[in-house]
Structures are given as C-alpha cells and as structure tokens.
Amino acid sequence: MIFPSPAWEDFLSIALDETRLFGEGSIQISRRLRSLLDDLLERVPAERRAPVEAQLALVEASVRRTSSEGAEQVLAGTGDRQGVGTPRLSPD
C-alpha cells in the first residue's frame, strides 16, 4: 500500500500558517518567524527556497498590514532569534 506523504510546502504550511495568522499584529511573532525563515533560506537546497520565500512574503505582508509605518514597522520586519528585550546572542 502506498501512502501519500506531505510535500515541503505542506510541512512549512503546517508549521507556520496558524502561528502567522493568529499572531498577526504581534511584533514578536513576526520577528521570530522572520528569523526562522531567514535561517531556512540560508540552509535549504535551491529547490526548496521558493516555498520559504513565499512564507516570508506572507510574513512581510502581515507586517505591512498590521504595523504602523516607521520604527514599529522596521522593528516588526527585523528577524530576532532571542525575543524583544533579551540580549542579542550570536547564533553560533
């Protein structure tokens, strides 16, 4: 018997869509998602980049839609592994 397996796009969607949708408007959620997606773009093979870039575009659209212009939008659009208000530690 053969069972279908999820595609890369499906895994990304399962992992990220609800967090992005329900966290919309949260600077911290957008910063952490941005960091995760930026890290993935550096590590995935070329054939898996397009779905990661599509998820990143969704995060960026959410930031534009929910953040006021200026400093807040810049902050929300900047990746942050550690979280707002915590020391910035090297990823290594």
Protein backbone atom coordinates (compact mmCIF):
# COMPACT_ATOMS: atom_id res chain seq x y z
CA MET A 1 0.00 0.00 0.00
CA ILE A 2 1.30 3.45 -0.87
CA PHE A 3 0.54 6.42 1.33
CA PRO A 4 0.95 9.98 0.10
CA SER A 5 3.48 12.00 2.02
CA PRO A 6 3.41 15.73 2.61
CA ALA A 7 5.49 17.94 0.35
CA TRP A 8 7.97 20.54 1.64
CA GLU A 9 5.33 23.25 1.12
CA ASP A 10 2.91 21.26 3.28
CA PHE A 11 5.40 21.00 6.13
CA LEU A 12 6.03 24.75 6.01
CA SER A 13 2.32 25.46 5.98
CA ILE A 14 1.63 23.11 8.90
CA ALA A 15 4.47 24.62 10.90
CA LEU A 16 3.87 28.31 10.20
CA ASP A 17 0.42 29.26 8.93
CA GLU A 18 -1.53 29.22 12.19
CA THR A 19 1.22 30.97 14.11
CA ARG A 20 1.45 33.67 11.44
CA LEU A 21 -2.34 34.10 11.16
CA PHE A 22 -3.15 34.11 14.87
CA GLY A 23 -0.03 36.07 15.77
CA GLU A 24 -0.71 38.77 13.19
CA GLY A 25 -0.09 42.15 14.72
CA SER A 26 2.41 40.79 17.25
CA ILE A 27 5.82 42.32 16.69
CA GLN A 28 7.46 39.41 18.48
CA ILE A 29 5.75 36.74 16.35
CA SER A 30 6.75 38.45 13.12
CA ARG A 31 10.35 38.91 14.32
CA ARG A 32 10.72 35.28 15.33
CA LEU A 33 9.12 33.99 12.11
CA ARG A 34 11.36 36.28 10.07
CA SER A 35 14.42 34.92 11.84
CA LEU A 36 13.34 31.31 11.30
CA LEU A 37 12.65 31.87 7.61
CA ASP A 38 15.89 33.79 7.06
CA ASP A 39 17.79 30.89 8.65
CA LEU A 40 15.95 28.38 6.46
CA LEU A 41 16.79 30.36 3.32
CA GLU A 42 20.48 30.07 4.19
CA ARG A 43 20.28 26.31 4.71
CA VAL A 44 17.76 24.72 2.36
CA PRO A 45 18.69 23.47 -1.09
CA ALA A 46 17.77 25.68 -4.04
CA GLU A 47 14.73 23.57 -4.95
CA ARG A 48 13.18 24.28 -1.53
CA ARG A 49 13.81 28.03 -1.45
CA ALA A 50 10.66 29.20 -3.30
CA PRO A 51 8.19 27.95 -0.65
CA VAL A 52 10.31 29.53 2.11
CA GLU A 53 10.38 32.81 0.18
CA ALA A 54 6.58 32.58 -0.22
CA GLN A 55 6.16 32.19 3.55
CA LEU A 56 8.50 35.12 4.11
CA ALA A 57 6.41 37.23 1.73
CA LEU A 58 3.31 36.36 3.79
CA VAL A 59 5.05 37.49 6.99
CA GLU A 60 6.16 40.73 5.33
CA ALA A 61 2.63 41.40 4.04
CA SER A 62 1.27 40.83 7.53
CA VAL A 63 3.76 43.33 8.99
CA ARG A 64 2.80 45.95 6.40
CA ARG A 65 -0.89 45.37 7.07
CA THR A 66 -0.75 45.50 10.87
CA SER A 67 2.19 47.72 11.87
CA SER A 68 2.20 51.47 11.77
CA GLU A 69 4.76 52.98 9.48
CA GLY A 70 8.14 53.98 10.80
CA ALA A 71 10.08 52.47 13.65
CA GLU A 72 7.43 49.92 14.61
CA GLN A 73 7.28 48.52 11.08
CA VAL A 74 11.07 48.36 10.89
CA LEU A 75 11.21 46.56 14.23
CA ALA A 76 8.46 44.11 13.23
CA GLY A 77 10.21 43.39 9.93
CA THR A 78 13.57 42.58 11.52
CA GLY A 79 14.38 38.99 12.45
CA ASP A 80 15.08 38.26 16.10
CA ARG A 81 16.01 34.83 17.42
CA GLN A 82 16.04 35.79 21.07
CA GLY A 83 12.97 37.94 21.51
CA VAL A 84 12.30 41.59 22.18
CA GLY A 85 14.02 42.81 25.32
CA THR A 86 16.53 39.99 25.59
CA PRO A 87 20.27 40.17 24.97
CA ARG A 88 21.29 39.60 21.39
CA LEU A 89 23.30 36.41 21.35
CA SER A 90 25.37 35.14 18.48
CA PRO A 91 23.66 32.30 16.57
CA ASP A 92 26.80 30.19 16.89
